[in-house]
Amino acid sequence: PLEVYTAFYYTVLHNRDSGSAQVPVTVPDTITSWETEAFCLSSKGLGLAPPAQLTVFQPFFLELSLPYSIIRGEIFELKATVFNYLSKCIM
């Protein structure tokens, strides 16, 4: 099935000079694409930016697979998958 993630970032910027701004955010997930939308309000009215695509990619990450439930004192198997998209070894 297709997994759809949503995140909502709301930031108020007061930019009176250049009309542009940079907004650094940390996006969730390791490899995915996001669609962003923005609007602005001014004394001249409402402005709408066209949707923009943002693709994020983390070249090295770890994914842990935990069992559904664990009882205290129980021995369980912890599966770890390492994803390495780097061009060389990091050791």
PDB file of N, CA and C in Angstrom:
ATOM      1  N   PRO A   1       0.828  -1.202   0.000  1.00  0.00           N
ATOM      2  CA  PRO A   1       0.000   0.000   0.000  1.00  0.00           C
ATOM      3  C   PRO A   1       0.863   1.254   0.000  1.00  0.00           C
ATOM      4  N   LEU A   2       0.322   2.289  -0.532  1.00  0.00           N
ATOM      5  CA  LEU A   2       0.994   3.583  -0.588  1.00  0.00           C
ATOM      6  C   LEU A   2       0.940   4.248   0.777  1.00  0.00           C
ATOM      7  N   GLU A   3       2.111   4.639   1.299  1.00  0.00           N
ATOM      8  CA  GLU A   3       2.158   5.340   2.578  1.00  0.00           C
ATOM      9  C   GLU A   3       2.194   6.837   2.314  1.00  0.00           C
ATOM     10  N   VAL A   4       1.317   7.565   2.962  1.00  0.00           N
ATOM     11  CA  VAL A   4       1.261   9.013   2.795  1.00  0.00           C
ATOM     12  C   VAL A   4       1.543   9.657   4.141  1.00  0.00           C
ATOM     13  N   TYR A   5       2.562  10.486   4.184  1.00  0.00           N
ATOM     14  CA  TYR A   5       2.910  11.208   5.399  1.00  0.00           C
ATOM     15  C   TYR A   5       2.515  12.664   5.218  1.00  0.00           C
ATOM     16  N   THR A   6       2.057  13.270   6.275  1.00  0.00           N
ATOM     17  CA  THR A   6       1.738  14.688   6.216  1.00  0.00           C
ATOM     18  C   THR A   6       2.460  15.399   7.348  1.00  0.00           C
ATOM     19  N   ALA A   7       2.856  16.606   7.091  1.00  0.00           N
ATOM     20  CA  ALA A   7       3.475  17.456   8.109  1.00  0.00           C
ATOM     21  C   ALA A   7       3.006  18.870   7.830  1.00  0.00           C
ATOM     22  N   PHE A   8       2.709  19.586   8.863  1.00  0.00           N
ATOM     23  CA  PHE A   8       2.209  20.941   8.696  1.00  0.00           C
ATOM     24  C   PHE A   8       3.133  21.886   9.451  1.00  0.00           C
ATOM     25  N   TYR A   9       3.789  22.760   8.721  1.00  0.00           N
ATOM     26  CA  TYR A   9       4.654  23.766   9.323  1.00  0.00           C
ATOM     27  C   TYR A   9       4.016  25.124   9.078  1.00  0.00           C
ATOM     28  N   TYR A  10       3.803  25.839  10.131  1.00  0.00           N
ATOM     29  CA  TYR A  10       3.197  27.158  10.015  1.00  0.00           C
ATOM     30  C   TYR A  10       4.181  28.161  10.587  1.00  0.00           C
ATOM     31  N   THR A  11       4.613  29.081   9.780  1.00  0.00           N
ATOM     32  CA  THR A  11       5.576  30.087  10.202  1.00  0.00           C
ATOM     33  C   THR A  11       5.085  31.449   9.761  1.00  0.00           C
ATOM     34  N   VAL A  12       5.185  32.409  10.644  1.00  0.00           N
ATOM     35  CA  VAL A  12       4.847  33.788  10.306  1.00  0.00           C
ATOM     36  C   VAL A  12       6.152  34.539  10.096  1.00  0.00           C
ATOM     37  N   LEU A  13       6.313  35.089   8.907  1.00  0.00           N
ATOM     38  CA  LEU A  13       7.510  35.862   8.575  1.00  0.00           C
ATOM     39  C   LEU A  13       7.110  37.302   8.308  1.00  0.00           C
ATOM     40  N   HIS A  14       7.870  38.216   8.831  1.00  0.00           N
ATOM     41  CA  HIS A  14       7.663  39.631   8.538  1.00  0.00           C
ATOM     42  C   HIS A  14       8.829  40.070   7.665  1.00  0.00           C
ATOM     43  N   ASN A  15       8.575  40.209   6.382  1.00  0.00           N
ATOM     44  CA  ASN A  15       9.627  40.537   5.432  1.00  0.00           C
ATOM     45  C   ASN A  15       9.177  41.748   4.633  1.00  0.00           C
ATOM     46  N   ARG A  16       9.645  42.913   5.011  1.00  0.00           N
ATOM     47  CA  ARG A  16       9.168  44.146   4.388  1.00  0.00           C
ATOM     48  C   ARG A  16      10.078  44.646   3.265  1.00  0.00           C
ATOM     49  N   ASP A  17      11.299  44.131   3.167  1.00  0.00           N
ATOM     50  CA  ASP A  17      12.261  44.706   2.227  1.00  0.00           C
ATOM     51  C   ASP A  17      12.321  43.976   0.887  1.00  0.00           C
ATOM     52  N   SER A  18      12.880  42.780   0.886  1.00  0.00           N
ATOM     53  CA  SER A  18      13.168  42.110  -0.382  1.00  0.00           C
ATOM     54  C   SER A  18      11.982  41.343  -0.954  1.00  0.00           C
ATOM     55  N   GLY A  19      11.053  40.929  -0.119  1.00  0.00           N
ATOM     56  CA  GLY A  19       9.931  40.134  -0.594  1.00  0.00           C
ATOM     57  C   GLY A  19      10.226  38.653  -0.658  1.00  0.00           C
ATOM     58  N   SER A  20      11.421  38.238  -0.226  1.00  0.00           N
ATOM     59  CA  SER A  20      11.741  36.810  -0.200  1.00  0.00           C
ATOM     60  C   SER A  20      12.332  36.459   1.162  1.00  0.00           C
ATOM     61  N   ALA A  21      12.285  35.176   1.484  1.00  0.00           N
ATOM     62  CA  ALA A  21      12.800  34.718   2.772  1.00  0.00           C
ATOM     63  C   ALA A  21      13.240  33.271   2.648  1.00  0.00           C
ATOM     64  N   GLN A  22      14.177  32.883   3.486  1.00  0.00           N
ATOM     65  CA  GLN A  22      14.592  31.492   3.591  1.00  0.00           C
ATOM     66  C   GLN A  22      14.104  30.967   4.932  1.00  0.00           C
ATOM     67  N   VAL A  23      13.485  29.798   4.908  1.00  0.00           N
ATOM     68  CA  VAL A  23      12.929  29.208   6.121  1.00  0.00           C
ATOM     69  C   VAL A  23      13.541  27.822   6.299  1.00  0.00           C
ATOM     70  N   PRO A  24      14.545  27.677   7.165  1.00  0.00           N
ATOM     71  CA  PRO A  24      15.124  26.349   7.381  1.00  0.00           C
ATOM     72  C   PRO A  24      14.210  25.498   8.261  1.00  0.00           C
ATOM     73  N   VAL A  25      13.914  24.288   7.815  1.00  0.00           N
ATOM     74  CA  VAL A  25      13.097  23.350   8.587  1.00  0.00           C
ATOM     75  C   VAL A  25      13.739  21.969   8.512  1.00  0.00           C
ATOM     76  N   THR A  26      13.487  21.165   9.501  1.00  0.00           N
ATOM     77  CA  THR A  26      13.907  19.770   9.483  1.00  0.00           C
ATOM     78  C   THR A  26      12.700  18.936   9.075  1.00  0.00           C
ATOM     79  N   VAL A  27      12.831  18.230   7.974  1.00  0.00           N
ATOM     80  CA  VAL A  27      11.712  17.427   7.493  1.00  0.00           C
ATOM     81  C   VAL A  27      11.848  16.004   8.010  1.00  0.00           C
ATOM     82  N   PRO A  28      10.730  15.383   8.356  1.00  0.00           N
ATOM     83  CA  PRO A  28      10.796  14.004   8.822  1.00  0.00           C
ATOM     84  C   PRO A  28      11.072  13.041   7.672  1.00  0.00           C
ATOM     85  N   ASP A  29      11.546  11.878   8.021  1.00  0.00           N
ATOM     86  CA  ASP A  29      11.767  10.768   7.107  1.00  0.00           C
ATOM     87  C   ASP A  29      13.153  10.829   6.474  1.00  0.00           C
ATOM     88  N   THR A  30      13.524   9.768   5.777  1.00  0.00           N
ATOM     89  CA  THR A  30      14.872   9.626   5.245  1.00  0.00           C
ATOM     90  C   THR A  30      14.940   9.785   3.730  1.00  0.00           C
ATOM     91  N   ILE A  31      14.024   9.183   3.014  1.00  0.00           N
ATOM     92  CA  ILE A  31      13.986   9.318   1.560  1.00  0.00           C
ATOM     93  C   ILE A  31      12.523   9.504   1.164  1.00  0.00           C
ATOM     94  N   THR A  32      12.170  10.690   0.747  1.00  0.00           N
ATOM     95  CA  THR A  32      10.783  10.938   0.345  1.00  0.00           C
ATOM     96  C   THR A  32      10.682  12.269  -0.378  1.00  0.00           C
ATOM     97  N   SER A  33       9.525  12.537  -0.924  1.00  0.00           N
ATOM     98  CA  SER A  33       9.254  13.816  -1.582  1.00  0.00           C
ATOM     99  C   SER A  33       8.116  14.511  -0.855  1.00  0.00           C
ATOM    100  N   TRP A  34       8.188  15.823  -0.825  1.00  0.00           N
ATOM    101  CA  TRP A  34       7.171  16.642  -0.177  1.00  0.00           C
ATOM    102  C   TRP A  34       6.682  17.685  -1.165  1.00  0.00           C
ATOM    103  N   GLU A  35       5.451  18.089  -1.001  1.00  0.00           N
ATOM    104  CA  GLU A  35       4.920  19.198  -1.785  1.00  0.00           C
ATOM    105  C   GLU A  35       4.665  20.347  -0.823  1.00  0.00           C
ATOM    106  N   THR A  36       5.181  21.521  -1.167  1.00  0.00           N
ATOM    107  CA  THR A  36       5.035  22.685  -0.296  1.00  0.00           C
ATOM    108  C   THR A  36       4.156  23.726  -0.967  1.00  0.00           C
ATOM    109  N   GLU A  37       3.464  24.471  -0.144  1.00  0.00           N
ATOM    110  CA  GLU A  37       2.636  25.569  -0.628  1.00  0.00           C
ATOM    111  C   GLU A  37       2.842  26.761   0.296  1.00  0.00           C
ATOM    112  N   ALA A  38       2.709  27.956  -0.251  1.00  0.00           N
ATOM    113  CA  ALA A  38       2.891  29.166   0.557  1.00  0.00           C
ATOM    114  C   ALA A  38       1.930  30.247   0.086  1.00  0.00           C
ATOM    115  N   PHE A  39       1.595  31.124   1.007  1.00  0.00           N
ATOM    116  CA  PHE A  39       0.778  32.286   0.659  1.00  0.00           C
ATOM    117  C   PHE A  39       1.277  33.473   1.465  1.00  0.00           C
ATOM    118  N   CYS A  40       0.903  34.650   1.025  1.00  0.00           N
ATOM    119  CA  CYS A  40       1.315  35.852   1.749  1.00  0.00           C
ATOM    120  C   CYS A  40       0.173  36.862   1.763  1.00  0.00           C
ATOM    121  N   LEU A  41       0.218  37.690   2.758  1.00  0.00           N
ATOM    122  CA  LEU A  41      -0.741  38.782   2.897  1.00  0.00           C
ATOM    123  C   LEU A  41       0.033  40.086   2.951  1.00  0.00           C
ATOM    124  N   SER A  42      -0.474  41.083   2.264  1.00  0.00           N
ATOM    125  CA  SER A  42       0.147  42.403   2.318  1.00  0.00           C
ATOM    126  C   SER A  42      -0.945  43.453   2.222  1.00  0.00           C
ATOM    127  N   SER A  43      -0.529  44.693   2.262  1.00  0.00           N
ATOM    128  CA  SER A  43      -1.508  45.773   2.133  1.00  0.00           C
ATOM    129  C   SER A  43      -2.116  45.807   0.732  1.00  0.00           C
ATOM    130  N   LYS A  44      -1.461  45.127  -0.233  1.00  0.00           N
ATOM    131  CA  LYS A  44      -1.957  45.085  -1.608  1.00  0.00           C
ATOM    132  C   LYS A  44      -2.843  43.874  -1.878  1.00  0.00           C
ATOM    133  N   GLY A  45      -2.940  42.945  -0.918  1.00  0.00           N
ATOM    134  CA  GLY A  45      -3.812  41.795  -1.112  1.00  0.00           C
ATOM    135  C   GLY A  45      -3.166  40.480  -0.735  1.00  0.00           C
ATOM    136  N   LEU A  46      -3.686  39.414  -1.332  1.00  0.00           N
ATOM    137  CA  LEU A  46      -3.265  38.051  -1.052  1.00  0.00           C
ATOM    138  C   LEU A  46      -2.412  37.534  -2.202  1.00  0.00           C
ATOM    139  N   GLY A  47      -1.299  36.886  -1.877  1.00  0.00           N
ATOM    140  CA  GLY A  47      -0.447  36.280  -2.896  1.00  0.00           C
ATOM    141  C   GLY A  47      -0.336  34.785  -2.661  1.00  0.00           C
ATOM    142  N   LEU A  48      -0.434  34.015  -3.726  1.00  0.00           N
ATOM    143  CA  LEU A  48      -0.327  32.559  -3.647  1.00  0.00           C
ATOM    144  C   LEU A  48       0.857  32.095  -4.475  1.00  0.00           C
ATOM    145  N   ALA A  49       1.734  31.299  -3.880  1.00  0.00           N
ATOM    146  CA  ALA A  49       2.863  30.730  -4.613  1.00  0.00           C
ATOM    147  C   ALA A  49       2.428  29.400  -5.220  1.00  0.00           C
ATOM    148  N   PRO A  50       2.947  29.061  -6.384  1.00  0.00           N
ATOM    149  CA  PRO A  50       2.614  27.746  -6.945  1.00  0.00           C
ATOM    150  C   PRO A  50       3.233  26.649  -6.077  1.00  0.00           C
ATOM    151  N   PRO A  51       2.612  25.473  -6.036  1.00  0.00           N
ATOM    152  CA  PRO A  51       3.189  24.375  -5.252  1.00  0.00           C
ATOM    153  C   PRO A  51       4.602  24.047  -5.732  1.00  0.00           C
ATOM    154  N   ALA A  52       5.470  23.701  -4.790  1.00  0.00           N
ATOM    155  CA  ALA A  52       6.855  23.344  -5.112  1.00  0.00           C
ATOM    156  C   ALA A  52       7.148  21.956  -4.556  1.00  0.00           C
ATOM    157  N   GLN A  53       7.972  21.204  -5.262  1.00  0.00           N
ATOM    158  CA  GLN A  53       8.363  19.866  -4.832  1.00  0.00           C
ATOM    159  C   GLN A  53       9.696  19.931  -4.087  1.00  0.00           C
ATOM    160  N   LEU A  54       9.796  19.172  -3.017  1.00  0.00           N
ATOM    161  CA  LEU A  54      11.026  19.071  -2.236  1.00  0.00           C
ATOM    162  C   LEU A  54      11.318  17.592  -2.042  1.00  0.00           C
ATOM    163  N   THR A  55      12.471  17.140  -2.509  1.00  0.00           N
ATOM    164  CA  THR A  55      12.874  15.753  -2.320  1.00  0.00           C
ATOM    165  C   THR A  55      13.984  15.710  -1.291  1.00  0.00           C
ATOM    166  N   VAL A  56      13.804  14.887  -0.257  1.00  0.00           N
ATOM    167  CA  VAL A  56      14.821  14.755   0.786  1.00  0.00           C
ATOM    168  C   VAL A  56      15.463  13.381   0.664  1.00  0.00           C
ATOM    169  N   PHE A  57      16.741  13.348   0.977  1.00  0.00           N
ATOM    170  CA  PHE A  57      17.502  12.113   0.848  1.00  0.00           C
ATOM    171  C   PHE A  57      18.582  12.103   1.914  1.00  0.00           C
ATOM    172  N   GLN A  58      18.586  11.080   2.743  1.00  0.00           N
ATOM    173  CA  GLN A  58      19.613  10.925   3.767  1.00  0.00           C
ATOM    174  C   GLN A  58      20.527   9.794   3.308  1.00  0.00           C
ATOM    175  N   PRO A  59      21.814  10.072   3.057  1.00  0.00           N
ATOM    176  CA  PRO A  59      22.681   9.062   2.456  1.00  0.00           C
ATOM    177  C   PRO A  59      23.068   7.908   3.388  1.00  0.00           C
ATOM    178  N   PHE A  60      22.899   8.063   4.687  1.00  0.00           N
ATOM    179  CA  PHE A  60      23.264   7.000   5.622  1.00  0.00           C
ATOM    180  C   PHE A  60      22.279   7.026   6.781  1.00  0.00           C
ATOM    181  N   PHE A  61      21.579   5.917   7.012  1.00  0.00           N
ATOM    182  CA  PHE A  61      20.653   5.864   8.144  1.00  0.00           C
ATOM    183  C   PHE A  61      20.422   4.422   8.569  1.00  0.00           C
ATOM    184  N   LEU A  62      19.842   4.271   9.736  1.00  0.00           N
ATOM    185  CA  LEU A  62      19.601   2.979  10.360  1.00  0.00           C
ATOM    186  C   LEU A  62      18.109   2.834  10.625  1.00  0.00           C
ATOM    187  N   GLU A  63      17.584   1.646  10.364  1.00  0.00           N
ATOM    188  CA  GLU A  63      16.169   1.379  10.628  1.00  0.00           C
ATOM    189  C   GLU A  63      16.072   0.172  11.558  1.00  0.00           C
ATOM    190  N   LEU A  64      15.393   0.346  12.693  1.00  0.00           N
ATOM    191  CA  LEU A  64      15.225  -0.739  13.657  1.00  0.00           C
ATOM    192  C   LEU A  64      13.844  -1.355  13.504  1.00  0.00           C
ATOM    193  N   SER A  65      13.787  -2.684  13.525  1.00  0.00           N
ATOM    194  CA  SER A  65      12.512  -3.405  13.466  1.00  0.00           C
ATOM    195  C   SER A  65      12.281  -4.061  14.820  1.00  0.00           C
ATOM    196  N   LEU A  66      11.336  -3.507  15.566  1.00  0.00           N
ATOM    197  CA  LEU A  66      11.017  -4.034  16.889  1.00  0.00           C
ATOM    198  C   LEU A  66       9.819  -4.967  16.809  1.00  0.00           C
ATOM    199  N   PRO A  67       9.758  -5.965  17.697  1.00  0.00           N
ATOM    200  CA  PRO A  67       8.560  -6.803  17.744  1.00  0.00           C
ATOM    201  C   PRO A  67       7.356  -5.988  18.216  1.00  0.00           C
ATOM    202  N   TYR A  68       6.170  -6.528  17.989  1.00  0.00           N
ATOM    203  CA  TYR A  68       4.937  -5.826  18.360  1.00  0.00           C
ATOM    204  C   TYR A  68       4.905  -5.516  19.854  1.00  0.00           C
ATOM    205  N   SER A  69       5.304  -6.485  20.675  1.00  0.00           N
ATOM    206  CA  SER A  69       5.324  -6.258  22.124  1.00  0.00           C
ATOM    207  C   SER A  69       6.501  -7.003  22.737  1.00  0.00           C
ATOM    208  N   ILE A  70       6.959  -6.486  23.861  1.00  0.00           N
ATOM    209  CA  ILE A  70       8.075  -7.089  24.593  1.00  0.00           C
ATOM    210  C   ILE A  70       7.694  -7.084  26.070  1.00  0.00           C
ATOM    211  N   ILE A  71       7.957  -8.192  26.746  1.00  0.00           N
ATOM    212  CA  ILE A  71       7.722  -8.280  28.188  1.00  0.00           C
ATOM    213  C   ILE A  71       9.063  -8.085  28.888  1.00  0.00           C
ATOM    214  N   ARG A  72       9.043  -7.341  29.986  1.00  0.00           N
ATOM    215  CA  ARG A  72      10.280  -7.083  30.731  1.00  0.00           C
ATOM    216  C   ARG A  72      10.959  -8.408  31.074  1.00  0.00           C
ATOM    217  N   GLY A  73      12.265  -8.486  30.810  1.00  0.00           N
ATOM    218  CA  GLY A  73      13.038  -9.690  31.069  1.00  0.00           C
ATOM    219  C   GLY A  73      13.045 -10.674  29.909  1.00  0.00           C
ATOM    220  N   GLU A  74      12.227 -10.450  28.918  1.00  0.00           N
ATOM    221  CA  GLU A  74      12.137 -11.343  27.766  1.00  0.00           C
ATOM    222  C   GLU A  74      13.328 -11.118  26.839  1.00  0.00           C
ATOM    223  N   ILE A  75      13.837 -12.192  26.267  1.00  0.00           N
ATOM    224  CA  ILE A  75      14.874 -12.090  25.240  1.00  0.00           C
ATOM    225  C   ILE A  75      14.161 -11.977  23.897  1.00  0.00           C
ATOM    226  N   PHE A  76      14.576 -10.994  23.107  1.00  0.00           N
ATOM    227  CA  PHE A  76      13.914 -10.780  21.819  1.00  0.00           C
ATOM    228  C   PHE A  76      14.956 -10.464  20.750  1.00  0.00           C
ATOM    229  N   GLU A  77      14.534 -10.589  19.528  1.00  0.00           N
ATOM    230  CA  GLU A  77      15.411 -10.317  18.392  1.00  0.00           C
ATOM    231  C   GLU A  77      15.190  -8.883  17.928  1.00  0.00           C
ATOM    232  N   LEU A  78      16.267  -8.136  17.867  1.00  0.00           N
ATOM    233  CA  LEU A  78      16.222  -6.760  17.378  1.00  0.00           C
ATOM    234  C   LEU A  78      16.911  -6.736  16.018  1.00  0.00           C
ATOM    235  N   LYS A  79      16.149  -6.433  14.979  1.00  0.00           N
ATOM    236  CA  LYS A  79      16.705  -6.389  13.628  1.00  0.00           C
ATOM    237  C   LYS A  79      17.051  -4.948  13.283  1.00  0.00           C
ATOM    238  N   ALA A  80      18.268  -4.743  12.838  1.00  0.00           N
ATOM    239  CA  ALA A  80      18.715  -3.417  12.412  1.00  0.00           C
ATOM    240  C   ALA A  80      19.145  -3.505  10.955  1.00  0.00           C
ATOM    241  N   THR A  81      18.641  -2.595  10.154  1.00  0.00           N
ATOM    242  CA  THR A  81      19.020  -2.514   8.747  1.00  0.00           C
ATOM    243  C   THR A  81      19.765  -1.209   8.540  1.00  0.00           C
ATOM    244  N   VAL A  82      20.962  -1.306   7.982  1.00  0.00           N
ATOM    245  CA  VAL A  82      21.778  -0.127   7.700  1.00  0.00           C
ATOM    246  C   VAL A  82      21.638   0.201   6.218  1.00  0.00           C
ATOM    247  N   PHE A  83      21.290   1.445   5.923  1.00  0.00           N
ATOM    248  CA  PHE A  83      21.188   1.925   4.549  1.00  0.00           C
ATOM    249  C   PHE A  83      22.363   2.862   4.300  1.00  0.00           C
ATOM    250  N   ASN A  84      23.223   2.486   3.378  1.00  0.00           N
ATOM    251  CA  ASN A  84      24.402   3.287   3.080  1.00  0.00           C
ATOM    252  C   ASN A  84      24.418   3.604   1.588  1.00  0.00           C
ATOM    253  N   TYR A  85      24.085   4.842   1.257  1.00  0.00           N
ATOM    254  CA  TYR A  85      24.112   5.295  -0.129  1.00  0.00           C
ATOM    255  C   TYR A  85      25.340   6.163  -0.396  1.00  0.00           C
ATOM    256  N   LEU A  86      26.300   6.128   0.522  1.00  0.00           N
ATOM    257  CA  LEU A  86      27.525   6.907   0.339  1.00  0.00           C
ATOM    258  C   LEU A  86      28.398   6.238  -0.716  1.00  0.00           C
ATOM    259  N   SER A  87      29.254   7.011  -1.333  1.00  0.00           N
ATOM    260  CA  SER A  87      30.108   6.467  -2.392  1.00  0.00           C
ATOM    261  C   SER A  87      31.339   5.756  -1.847  1.00  0.00           C
ATOM    262  N   LYS A  88      31.633   5.924  -0.544  1.00  0.00           N
ATOM    263  CA  LYS A  88      32.789   5.242   0.039  1.00  0.00           C
ATOM    264  C   LYS A  88      32.473   4.844   1.476  1.00  0.00           C
ATOM    265  N   CYS A  89      33.282   3.959   2.019  1.00  0.00           N
ATOM    266  CA  CYS A  89      33.101   3.470   3.381  1.00  0.00           C
ATOM    267  C   CYS A  89      33.372   4.599   4.378  1.00  0.00           C
ATOM    268  N   ILE A  90      32.609   4.660   5.457  1.00  0.00           N
ATOM    269  CA  ILE A  90      32.803   5.734   6.435  1.00  0.00           C
ATOM    270  C   ILE A  90      33.622   5.280   7.638  1.00  0.00           C
ATOM    271  N   MET A  91      34.154   4.068   7.614  1.00  0.00           N
ATOM    272  CA  MET A  91      34.985   3.564   8.721  1.00  0.00           C
ATOM    273  C   MET A  91      36.372   4.153   8.642  1.00  0.00           C
TER     274      MET A  91
END
